[in-house]
Amino acid sequence: MFWTVFAVALGFCGIVVLAVPAVRVFAEVRRLSSQVAEASRRIGRAAEDLERAAAPLAAETARTVRGG
């Protein structure tokens, strides 16, 4: 009977030992995913800004090429 209880206790301790890093990994993954989402939003805004800034230059280039 002692060995059965001991084995169950060891199994429980093993699960606890594995659960602690699993919780830490989960928290870090959530933090990383929020950073990736923020970076994606920033890249999208930068692309829109670049597109708006390039529009007048493209129009001027088109007029120059046509000889206008």
Protein backbone atom coordinates (compact mmCIF):
# COMPACT_ATOMS: atom_id res chain seq x y z
CA MET A 1 0.00 0.00 0.00
CA PHE A 2 2.84 2.38 0.79
CA TRP A 3 4.35 1.99 -2.69
CA THR A 4 1.04 2.72 -4.36
CA VAL A 5 0.57 5.95 -2.41
CA PHE A 6 4.21 6.87 -3.04
CA ALA A 7 3.83 6.28 -6.79
CA VAL A 8 0.66 8.39 -6.93
CA ALA A 9 2.38 11.18 -4.97
CA LEU A 10 5.38 11.08 -7.30
CA GLY A 11 3.08 11.18 -10.31
CA PHE A 12 1.27 14.18 -8.89
CA CYS A 13 4.58 15.96 -8.21
CA GLY A 14 5.68 15.22 -11.76
CA ILE A 15 2.52 16.76 -13.15
CA VAL A 16 3.03 19.85 -10.99
CA VAL A 17 6.65 20.15 -12.11
CA LEU A 18 5.54 20.02 -15.76
CA ALA A 19 2.57 22.34 -15.24
CA VAL A 20 4.66 25.25 -13.93
CA PRO A 21 6.76 25.65 -17.10
CA ALA A 22 3.67 25.02 -19.23
CA VAL A 23 1.91 27.98 -17.59
CA ARG A 24 4.99 30.16 -18.10
CA VAL A 25 5.22 29.16 -21.77
CA PHE A 26 1.52 29.91 -22.22
CA ALA A 27 1.96 33.40 -20.74
CA GLU A 28 4.99 34.12 -22.94
CA VAL A 29 3.17 32.92 -26.06
CA ARG A 30 0.28 35.26 -25.30
CA ARG A 31 2.70 38.15 -24.79
CA LEU A 32 4.51 37.35 -28.02
CA SER A 33 1.27 37.08 -29.98
CA SER A 34 0.16 40.51 -28.78
CA GLN A 35 3.52 41.95 -29.83
CA VAL A 36 3.21 40.33 -33.26
CA ALA A 37 -0.31 41.75 -33.64
CA GLU A 38 0.90 45.23 -32.72
CA ALA A 39 3.81 44.96 -35.16
CA SER A 40 1.40 43.84 -37.88
CA ARG A 41 -0.82 46.87 -37.25
CA ARG A 42 2.20 49.17 -37.38
CA ILE A 43 3.39 47.64 -40.64
CA GLY A 44 -0.08 48.08 -42.12
CA ARG A 45 -0.16 51.74 -41.11
CA ALA A 46 3.34 52.29 -42.51
CA ALA A 47 2.33 50.67 -45.80
CA GLU A 48 -0.72 52.93 -46.04
CA ASP A 49 1.42 56.00 -45.30
CA LEU A 50 3.93 54.94 -47.92
CA GLU A 51 1.18 54.40 -50.48
CA ARG A 52 -0.28 57.86 -49.79
CA ALA A 53 3.16 59.45 -49.99
CA ALA A 54 4.01 57.68 -53.26
CA ALA A 55 0.80 58.63 -55.08
CA PRO A 56 1.84 62.21 -55.96
CA LEU A 57 5.27 61.00 -57.05
CA ALA A 58 3.70 58.37 -59.31
CA ALA A 59 1.38 60.96 -60.85
CA GLU A 60 4.30 63.33 -61.48
CA THR A 61 6.33 60.52 -63.02
CA ALA A 62 3.43 59.60 -65.31
CA ARG A 63 3.09 63.22 -66.49
CA THR A 64 6.85 63.41 -67.11
CA VAL A 65 6.90 60.16 -69.11
CA ARG A 66 3.94 61.27 -71.25
CA GLY A 67 5.71 64.54 -71.91
CA GLY A 68 3.17 66.71 -70.17
